PDB file of N, CA and C in Angstrom:
ATOM      1  N   MET A   1      22.197  66.859 -57.957  1.00  0.00           N
ATOM      2  CA  MET A   1      22.496  65.714 -56.504  1.00  0.00           C
ATOM      3  C   MET A   1      23.795  65.163 -56.447  1.00  0.00           C
ATOM      4  N   ASN A   2      23.537  65.921 -55.267  1.00  0.00           N
ATOM      5  CA  ASN A   2      25.221  64.447 -54.371  1.00  0.00           C
ATOM      6  C   ASN A   2      25.515  63.913 -53.177  1.00  0.00           C
ATOM      7  N   LYS A   3      25.711  63.077 -52.789  1.00  0.00           N
ATOM      8  CA  LYS A   3      25.953  61.973 -52.364  1.00  0.00           C
ATOM      9  C   LYS A   3      24.300  62.075 -51.441  1.00  0.00           C
ATOM     10  N   SER A   4      25.346  63.531 -50.034  1.00  0.00           N
ATOM     11  CA  SER A   4      24.002  64.127 -49.131  1.00  0.00           C
ATOM     12  C   SER A   4      22.746  63.894 -49.726  1.00  0.00           C
ATOM     13  N   ASP A   5      21.655  64.725 -50.653  1.00  0.00           N
ATOM     14  CA  ASP A   5      20.906  64.611 -51.645  1.00  0.00           C
ATOM     15  C   ASP A   5      20.418  63.607 -52.129  1.00  0.00           C
ATOM     16  N   LEU A   6      21.231  62.915 -51.955  1.00  0.00           N
ATOM     17  CA  LEU A   6      21.113  61.037 -52.562  1.00  0.00           C
ATOM     18  C   LEU A   6      20.436  60.431 -51.302  1.00  0.00           C
ATOM     19  N   ILE A   7      20.834  60.566 -50.322  1.00  0.00           N
ATOM     20  CA  ILE A   7      21.300  60.229 -49.306  1.00  0.00           C
ATOM     21  C   ILE A   7      19.753  60.777 -48.454  1.00  0.00           C
ATOM     22  N   GLU A   8      19.592  61.961 -48.020  1.00  0.00           N
ATOM     23  CA  GLU A   8      17.922  62.417 -48.247  1.00  0.00           C
ATOM     24  C   GLU A   8      16.595  61.543 -48.686  1.00  0.00           C
ATOM     25  N   ALA A   9      16.693  61.959 -50.599  1.00  0.00           N
ATOM     26  CA  ALA A   9      15.528  61.103 -50.747  1.00  0.00           C
ATOM     27  C   ALA A   9      15.773  59.634 -50.411  1.00  0.00           C
ATOM     28  N   ILE A  10      16.921  58.843 -50.703  1.00  0.00           N
ATOM     29  CA  ILE A  10      16.251  57.251 -50.719  1.00  0.00           C
ATOM     30  C   ILE A  10      15.338  57.293 -48.684  1.00  0.00           C
ATOM     31  N   ALA A  11      16.571  58.572 -47.866  1.00  0.00           N
ATOM     32  CA  ALA A  11      15.287  58.239 -46.470  1.00  0.00           C
ATOM     33  C   ALA A  11      13.762  58.021 -47.369  1.00  0.00           C
ATOM     34  N   GLN A  12      13.965  59.442 -48.034  1.00  0.00           N
ATOM     35  CA  GLN A  12      12.521  60.117 -47.341  1.00  0.00           C
ATOM     36  C   GLN A  12      11.720  59.440 -48.451  1.00  0.00           C
ATOM     37  N   ALA A  13      11.836  58.333 -49.067  1.00  0.00           N
ATOM     38  CA  ALA A  13      11.162  57.251 -50.814  1.00  0.00           C
ATOM     39  C   ALA A  13      10.580  56.459 -50.033  1.00  0.00           C
ATOM     40  N   ALA A  14      12.314  55.483 -48.717  1.00  0.00           N
ATOM     41  CA  ALA A  14      11.721  54.447 -48.083  1.00  0.00           C
ATOM     42  C   ALA A  14      11.159  54.644 -46.905  1.00  0.00           C
ATOM     43  N   ASP A  15      11.131  55.749 -46.330  1.00  0.00           N
ATOM     44  CA  ASP A  15      10.635  56.374 -44.449  1.00  0.00           C
ATOM     45  C   ASP A  15      11.933  55.227 -43.779  1.00  0.00           C
ATOM     46  N   ILE A  16      13.207  55.859 -44.094  1.00  0.00           N
ATOM     47  CA  ILE A  16      13.805  54.600 -42.870  1.00  0.00           C
ATOM     48  C   ILE A  16      15.047  56.156 -42.956  1.00  0.00           C
ATOM     49  N   SER A  17      16.368  56.216 -41.746  1.00  0.00           N
ATOM     50  CA  SER A  17      16.327  56.772 -41.371  1.00  0.00           C
ATOM     51  C   SER A  17      17.858  57.482 -42.687  1.00  0.00           C
ATOM     52  N   LYS A  18      18.514  58.600 -42.403  1.00  0.00           N
ATOM     53  CA  LYS A  18      19.481  58.751 -43.040  1.00  0.00           C
ATOM     54  C   LYS A  18      20.551  57.873 -42.585  1.00  0.00           C
ATOM     55  N   ALA A  19      20.752  57.316 -41.765  1.00  0.00           N
ATOM     56  CA  ALA A  19      21.685  56.548 -41.484  1.00  0.00           C
ATOM     57  C   ALA A  19      21.720  55.159 -42.045  1.00  0.00           C
ATOM     58  N   ALA A  20      20.272  55.143 -42.297  1.00  0.00           N
ATOM     59  CA  ALA A  20      20.664  53.035 -42.397  1.00  0.00           C
ATOM     60  C   ALA A  20      20.242  53.689 -44.424  1.00  0.00           C
ATOM     61  N   ALA A  21      19.512  54.760 -44.629  1.00  0.00           N
ATOM     62  CA  ALA A  21      19.923  55.051 -46.359  1.00  0.00           C
ATOM     63  C   ALA A  21      21.162  55.030 -46.579  1.00  0.00           C
ATOM     64  N   GLU A  22      22.233  55.957 -45.897  1.00  0.00           N
ATOM     65  CA  GLU A  22      23.442  56.098 -46.188  1.00  0.00           C
ATOM     66  C   GLU A  22      24.138  54.150 -46.629  1.00  0.00           C
ATOM     67  N   ARG A  23      23.612  53.789 -45.293  1.00  0.00           N
ATOM     68  CA  ARG A  23      24.124  52.296 -44.954  1.00  0.00           C
ATOM     69  C   ARG A  23      23.557  51.308 -46.822  1.00  0.00           C
ATOM     70  N   ALA A  24      22.625  51.872 -46.811  1.00  0.00           N
ATOM     71  CA  ALA A  24      22.277  50.943 -48.573  1.00  0.00           C
ATOM     72  C   ALA A  24      23.060  51.436 -49.217  1.00  0.00           C
ATOM     73  N   LEU A  25      23.181  53.097 -49.948  1.00  0.00           N
ATOM     74  CA  LEU A  25      23.638  53.391 -50.031  1.00  0.00           C
ATOM     75  C   LEU A  25      24.886  52.857 -50.610  1.00  0.00           C
ATOM     76  N   ASP A  26      26.480  53.296 -49.955  1.00  0.00           N
ATOM     77  CA  ASP A  26      26.592  52.363 -49.456  1.00  0.00           C
ATOM     78  C   ASP A  26      27.111  51.303 -50.214  1.00  0.00           C
ATOM     79  N   GLY A  27      26.710  49.944 -49.847  1.00  0.00           N
ATOM     80  CA  GLY A  27      26.208  48.870 -49.610  1.00  0.00           C
ATOM     81  C   GLY A  27      25.751  47.935 -51.768  1.00  0.00           C
ATOM     82  N   THR A  28      24.971  49.057 -51.417  1.00  0.00           N
ATOM     83  CA  THR A  28      24.781  49.178 -53.400  1.00  0.00           C
ATOM     84  C   THR A  28      25.589  49.440 -54.802  1.00  0.00           C
ATOM     85  N   VAL A  29      26.416  50.642 -53.577  1.00  0.00           N
ATOM     86  CA  VAL A  29      28.118  51.028 -54.443  1.00  0.00           C
ATOM     87  C   VAL A  29      29.081  50.067 -54.639  1.00  0.00           C
ATOM     88  N   ALA A  30      29.333  49.777 -53.179  1.00  0.00           N
ATOM     89  CA  ALA A  30      29.875  48.925 -53.041  1.00  0.00           C
ATOM     90  C   ALA A  30      30.230  47.257 -53.990  1.00  0.00           C
ATOM     91  N   ALA A  31      28.223  46.212 -54.400  1.00  0.00           N
ATOM     92  CA  ALA A  31      27.910  45.588 -54.733  1.00  0.00           C
ATOM     93  C   ALA A  31      28.669  45.798 -56.352  1.00  0.00           C
ATOM     94  N   ILE A  32      27.758  46.893 -56.236  1.00  0.00           N
ATOM     95  CA  ILE A  32      28.358  47.385 -57.876  1.00  0.00           C
ATOM     96  C   ILE A  32      29.500  46.953 -58.651  1.00  0.00           C
ATOM     97  N   THR A  33      30.284  48.015 -57.624  1.00  0.00           N
ATOM     98  CA  THR A  33      32.162  48.143 -57.880  1.00  0.00           C
ATOM     99  C   THR A  33      32.794  47.060 -57.905  1.00  0.00           C
ATOM    100  N   SER A  34      32.307  45.644 -57.032  1.00  0.00           N
ATOM    101  CA  SER A  34      31.916  44.378 -57.227  1.00  0.00           C
ATOM    102  C   SER A  34      32.876  43.315 -58.220  1.00  0.00           C
ATOM    103  N   SER A  35      31.101  44.040 -58.381  1.00  0.00           N
ATOM    104  CA  SER A  35      30.966  43.152 -59.697  1.00  0.00           C
ATOM    105  C   SER A  35      31.725  43.391 -60.791  1.00  0.00           C
ATOM    106  N   LEU A  36      31.880  44.794 -61.351  1.00  0.00           N
ATOM    107  CA  LEU A  36      32.444  45.095 -62.224  1.00  0.00           C
ATOM    108  C   LEU A  36      33.634  45.210 -62.078  1.00  0.00           C
ATOM    109  N   GLN A  37      34.582  45.000 -60.655  1.00  0.00           N
ATOM    110  CA  GLN A  37      35.972  44.467 -60.877  1.00  0.00           C
ATOM    111  C   GLN A  37      35.644  42.897 -60.640  1.00  0.00           C
ATOM    112  N   LYS A  38      35.525  42.218 -61.237  1.00  0.00           N
ATOM    113  CA  LYS A  38      35.367  40.732 -61.431  1.00  0.00           C
ATOM    114  C   LYS A  38      34.897  40.561 -63.196  1.00  0.00           C
ATOM    115  N   GLY A  39      34.428  41.625 -63.430  1.00  0.00           N
ATOM    116  CA  GLY A  39      34.446  41.562 -65.029  1.00  0.00           C
ATOM    117  C   GLY A  39      32.947  41.233 -65.201  1.00  0.00           C
ATOM    118  N   ASP A  40      31.858  41.011 -64.465  1.00  0.00           N
ATOM    119  CA  ASP A  40      30.431  40.611 -64.693  1.00  0.00           C
ATOM    120  C   ASP A  40      29.745  41.706 -64.557  1.00  0.00           C
ATOM    121  N   MET A  41      28.558  42.015 -65.430  1.00  0.00           N
ATOM    122  CA  MET A  41      27.806  43.320 -65.516  1.00  0.00           C
ATOM    123  C   MET A  41      26.453  43.313 -64.885  1.00  0.00           C
ATOM    124  N   VAL A  42      26.176  44.244 -64.159  1.00  0.00           N
ATOM    125  CA  VAL A  42      24.728  44.756 -63.066  1.00  0.00           C
ATOM    126  C   VAL A  42      23.865  45.492 -64.223  1.00  0.00           C
ATOM    127  N   THR A  43      23.145  44.325 -64.058  1.00  0.00           N
ATOM    128  CA  THR A  43      22.192  45.582 -64.484  1.00  0.00           C
ATOM    129  C   THR A  43      20.771  45.499 -63.887  1.00  0.00           C
ATOM    130  N   LEU A  44      20.102  46.697 -63.883  1.00  0.00           N
ATOM    131  CA  LEU A  44      19.072  47.308 -63.127  1.00  0.00           C
ATOM    132  C   LEU A  44      17.976  47.357 -64.363  1.00  0.00           C
ATOM    133  N   VAL A  45      16.648  46.622 -63.697  1.00  0.00           N
ATOM    134  CA  VAL A  45      15.960  46.906 -64.767  1.00  0.00           C
ATOM    135  C   VAL A  45      15.232  47.993 -65.092  1.00  0.00           C
ATOM    136  N   GLY A  46      14.824  48.296 -66.769  1.00  0.00           N
ATOM    137  CA  GLY A  46      14.238  50.122 -66.706  1.00  0.00           C
ATOM    138  C   GLY A  46      15.259  51.048 -66.749  1.00  0.00           C
ATOM    139  N   PHE A  47      16.677  50.515 -65.699  1.00  0.00           N
ATOM    140  CA  PHE A  47      17.026  52.530 -65.125  1.00  0.00           C
ATOM    141  C   PHE A  47      17.733  51.983 -65.832  1.00  0.00           C
ATOM    142  N   GLY A  48      19.304  50.165 -66.512  1.00  0.00           N
ATOM    143  CA  GLY A  48      20.175  50.457 -67.134  1.00  0.00           C
ATOM    144  C   GLY A  48      20.829  49.497 -66.808  1.00  0.00           C
ATOM    145  N   THR A  49      22.524  49.189 -67.570  1.00  0.00           N
ATOM    146  CA  THR A  49      23.263  48.480 -67.264  1.00  0.00           C
ATOM    147  C   THR A  49      24.905  48.757 -66.857  1.00  0.00           C
ATOM    148  N   PHE A  50      25.562  48.381 -65.962  1.00  0.00           N
ATOM    149  CA  PHE A  50      26.501  48.967 -65.825  1.00  0.00           C
ATOM    150  C   PHE A  50      27.592  48.414 -66.772  1.00  0.00           C
ATOM    151  N   HIS A  51      28.862  47.861 -66.989  1.00  0.00           N
ATOM    152  CA  HIS A  51      29.827  47.324 -67.106  1.00  0.00           C
ATOM    153  C   HIS A  51      30.765  47.742 -67.534  1.00  0.00           C
ATOM    154  N   VAL A  52      31.821  46.597 -68.090  1.00  0.00           N
ATOM    155  CA  VAL A  52      33.095  47.453 -68.166  1.00  0.00           C
ATOM    156  C   VAL A  52      34.161  47.285 -69.780  1.00  0.00           C
ATOM    157  N   GLY A  53      34.145  47.642 -70.086  1.00  0.00           N
ATOM    158  CA  GLY A  53      34.766  48.076 -71.641  1.00  0.00           C
ATOM    159  C   GLY A  53      36.304  48.499 -71.681  1.00  0.00           C
ATOM    160  N   ASP A  54      36.610  47.601 -72.537  1.00  0.00           N
ATOM    161  CA  ASP A  54      37.666  47.604 -72.704  1.00  0.00           C
ATOM    162  C   ASP A  54      38.432  48.939 -73.739  1.00  0.00           C
ATOM    163  N   ARG A  55      39.577  50.127 -73.189  1.00  0.00           N
ATOM    164  CA  ARG A  55      40.184  50.860 -74.274  1.00  0.00           C
ATOM    165  C   ARG A  55      41.512  50.498 -74.635  1.00  0.00           C
ATOM    166  N   LYS A  56      41.265  50.662 -75.693  1.00  0.00           N
ATOM    167  CA  LYS A  56      42.791  49.575 -77.139  1.00  0.00           C
ATOM    168  C   LYS A  56      43.864  51.078 -76.737  1.00  0.00           C
ATOM    169  N   ALA A  57      45.134  50.063 -76.957  1.00  0.00           N
ATOM    170  CA  ALA A  57      46.039  51.354 -76.514  1.00  0.00           C
ATOM    171  C   ALA A  57      46.088  53.023 -77.447  1.00  0.00           C
ATOM    172  N   ARG A  58      46.556  54.119 -76.651  1.00  0.00           N
ATOM    173  CA  ARG A  58      46.978  54.978 -78.115  1.00  0.00           C
ATOM    174  C   ARG A  58      47.781  55.857 -77.674  1.00  0.00           C
ATOM    175  N   SER A  59      47.948  57.270 -79.045  1.00  0.00           N
ATOM    176  CA  SER A  59      49.167  58.311 -79.059  1.00  0.00           C
ATOM    177  C   SER A  59      47.435  59.283 -78.706  1.00  0.00           C
ATOM    178  N   GLY A  60      48.367  59.866 -77.706  1.00  0.00           N
ATOM    179  CA  GLY A  60      48.024  60.938 -77.580  1.00  0.00           C
ATOM    180  C   GLY A  60      48.648  62.398 -76.617  1.00  0.00           C
ATOM    181  N   ARG A  61      48.576  63.244 -76.607  1.00  0.00           N
ATOM    182  CA  ARG A  61      49.445  64.555 -76.576  1.00  0.00           C
ATOM    183  C   ARG A  61      49.933  65.526 -75.519  1.00  0.00           C
ATOM    184  N   ASN A  62      50.923  65.540 -74.917  1.00  0.00           N
ATOM    185  CA  ASN A  62      51.135  66.449 -73.107  1.00  0.00           C
ATOM    186  C   ASN A  62      50.179  67.982 -73.804  1.00  0.00           C
ATOM    187  N   PRO A  63      49.401  68.559 -73.722  1.00  0.00           N
ATOM    188  CA  PRO A  63      48.356  69.749 -73.424  1.00  0.00           C
ATOM    189  C   PRO A  63      49.878  70.366 -72.813  1.00  0.00           C
ATOM    190  N   ARG A  64      50.765  70.367 -72.012  1.00  0.00           N
ATOM    191  CA  ARG A  64      51.434  71.616 -71.396  1.00  0.00           C
ATOM    192  C   ARG A  64      52.871  71.757 -72.783  1.00  0.00           C
ATOM    193  N   THR A  65      53.162  69.990 -72.932  1.00  0.00           N
ATOM    194  CA  THR A  65      54.836  71.255 -73.969  1.00  0.00           C
ATOM    195  C   THR A  65      54.190  69.832 -74.882  1.00  0.00           C
ATOM    196  N   GLY A  66      53.124  69.609 -75.423  1.00  0.00           N
ATOM    197  CA  GLY A  66      53.288  69.413 -77.302  1.00  0.00           C
ATOM    198  C   GLY A  66      53.421  67.562 -77.810  1.00  0.00           C
ATOM    199  N   ASP A  67      54.577  67.425 -76.374  1.00  0.00           N
ATOM    200  CA  ASP A  67      54.791  65.877 -76.588  1.00  0.00           C
ATOM    201  C   ASP A  67      53.947  64.935 -77.187  1.00  0.00           C
ATOM    202  N   THR A  68      54.058  64.041 -78.392  1.00  0.00           N
ATOM    203  CA  THR A  68      53.335  62.830 -77.693  1.00  0.00           C
ATOM    204  C   THR A  68      53.559  61.811 -76.808  1.00  0.00           C
ATOM    205  N   ILE A  69      52.464  60.737 -76.378  1.00  0.00           N
ATOM    206  CA  ILE A  69      53.051  60.046 -75.521  1.00  0.00           C
ATOM    207  C   ILE A  69      52.005  59.120 -75.645  1.00  0.00           C
ATOM    208  N   GLU A  70      52.272  58.575 -75.324  1.00  0.00           N
ATOM    209  CA  GLU A  70      51.948  56.705 -75.368  1.00  0.00           C
ATOM    210  C   GLU A  70      50.634  56.143 -74.219  1.00  0.00           C
ATOM    211  N   ILE A  71      49.551  56.560 -74.369  1.00  0.00           N
ATOM    212  CA  ILE A  71      48.436  56.269 -73.317  1.00  0.00           C
ATOM    213  C   ILE A  71      48.032  54.635 -73.784  1.00  0.00           C
ATOM    214  N   LYS A  72      48.338  53.746 -72.094  1.00  0.00           N
ATOM    215  CA  LYS A  72      48.085  52.046 -71.581  1.00  0.00           C
ATOM    216  C   LYS A  72      46.502  51.395 -72.601  1.00  0.00           C
ATOM    217  N   ALA A  73      46.625  51.176 -73.204  1.00  0.00           N
ATOM    218  CA  ALA A  73      45.308  49.700 -72.741  1.00  0.00           C
ATOM    219  C   ALA A  73      45.428  50.046 -71.153  1.00  0.00           C
ATOM    220  N   SER A  74      43.027  50.456 -71.065  1.00  0.00           N
ATOM    221  CA  SER A  74      42.686  50.398 -70.070  1.00  0.00           C
ATOM    222  C   SER A  74      40.940  50.007 -70.063  1.00  0.00           C
ATOM    223  N   ARG A  75      40.638  49.249 -69.051  1.00  0.00           N
ATOM    224  CA  ARG A  75      39.642  49.509 -68.595  1.00  0.00           C
ATOM    225  C   ARG A  75      38.620  49.453 -67.818  1.00  0.00           C
ATOM    226  N   VAL A  76      37.664  50.805 -67.721  1.00  0.00           N
ATOM    227  CA  VAL A  76      37.261  51.838 -67.941  1.00  0.00           C
ATOM    228  C   VAL A  76      35.738  50.695 -67.967  1.00  0.00           C
ATOM    229  N   PRO A  77      34.667  51.763 -66.349  1.00  0.00           N
ATOM    230  CA  PRO A  77      34.028  51.238 -66.475  1.00  0.00           C
ATOM    231  C   PRO A  77      32.737  52.014 -67.371  1.00  0.00           C
ATOM    232  N   LYS A  78      31.832  51.791 -67.476  1.00  0.00           N
ATOM    233  CA  LYS A  78      30.278  52.433 -68.691  1.00  0.00           C
ATOM    234  C   LYS A  78      28.878  52.146 -68.004  1.00  0.00           C
ATOM    235  N   PHE A  79      28.006  52.482 -68.210  1.00  0.00           N
ATOM    236  CA  PHE A  79      26.470  52.824 -68.527  1.00  0.00           C
ATOM    237  C   PHE A  79      25.869  52.844 -69.171  1.00  0.00           C
ATOM    238  N   ARG A  80      25.267  51.716 -69.553  1.00  0.00           N
ATOM    239  CA  ARG A  80      23.843  52.069 -70.921  1.00  0.00           C
ATOM    240  C   ARG A  80      22.677  52.457 -70.394  1.00  0.00           C
ATOM    241  N   ALA A  81      21.959  52.998 -69.914  1.00  0.00           N
ATOM    242  CA  ALA A  81      20.506  53.702 -69.719  1.00  0.00           C
ATOM    243  C   ALA A  81      19.753  52.894 -70.318  1.00  0.00           C
ATOM    244  N   GLY A  82      18.418  51.882 -69.169  1.00  0.00           N
ATOM    245  CA  GLY A  82      17.785  51.937 -70.006  1.00  0.00           C
ATOM    246  C   GLY A  82      16.551  52.454 -70.949  1.00  0.00           C
ATOM    247  N   LYS A  83      15.442  51.757 -71.390  1.00  0.00           N
ATOM    248  CA  LYS A  83      14.671  52.186 -72.214  1.00  0.00           C
ATOM    249  C   LYS A  83      13.929  52.860 -71.135  1.00  0.00           C
ATOM    250  N   ALA A  84      13.467  53.032 -70.322  1.00  0.00           N
ATOM    251  CA  ALA A  84      12.164  53.446 -69.105  1.00  0.00           C
ATOM    252  C   ALA A  84      13.214  55.031 -68.770  1.00  0.00           C
ATOM    253  N   LEU A  85      14.508  54.890 -68.062  1.00  0.00           N
ATOM    254  CA  LEU A  85      14.807  55.962 -68.109  1.00  0.00           C
ATOM    255  C   LEU A  85      15.489  57.342 -68.485  1.00  0.00           C
ATOM    256  N   LYS A  86      15.796  56.220 -70.546  1.00  0.00           N
ATOM    257  CA  LYS A  86      15.893  57.661 -71.568  1.00  0.00           C
ATOM    258  C   LYS A  86      14.603  58.233 -71.517  1.00  0.00           C
ATOM    259  N   ASP A  87      13.054  56.764 -71.481  1.00  0.00           N
ATOM    260  CA  ASP A  87      12.557  57.181 -72.067  1.00  0.00           C
ATOM    261  C   ASP A  87      11.793  58.718 -70.879  1.00  0.00           C
ATOM    262  N   VAL A  88      12.190  58.459 -69.685  1.00  0.00           N
ATOM    263  CA  VAL A  88      11.570  60.076 -68.503  1.00  0.00           C
ATOM    264  C   VAL A  88      11.983  61.098 -68.831  1.00  0.00           C
ATOM    265  N   VAL A  89      13.624  60.265 -69.418  1.00  0.00           N
ATOM    266  CA  VAL A  89      14.474  62.295 -69.460  1.00  0.00           C
ATOM    267  C   VAL A  89      14.009  62.970 -70.801  1.00  0.00           C
ATOM    268  N   ASN A  90      13.820  61.870 -72.050  1.00  0.00           N
ATOM    269  CA  ASN A  90      12.959  62.718 -73.053  1.00  0.00           C
ATOM    270  C   ASN A  90      12.169  63.185 -72.865  1.00  0.00           C
TER     271      ASN A  90
END
């Protein structure tokens, strides 16, 4: 499912126009992104939790040349699925 498929599904489920569904989806993504940027967690009960994790600095290998390179520490977005979502998938 891509973004346009998701917008269409939201529009049908909520009985709204595709334009309104797109604005709602864009607003949701923007709110989640903004919260993660601040370092906050976003929890959707039953669905899951978006949070920011820290990745330590490490050494890696350039696949083209085989040289060892240093990869800087970084913060990465993560998602932890909720129980209800896990139950539906299994």
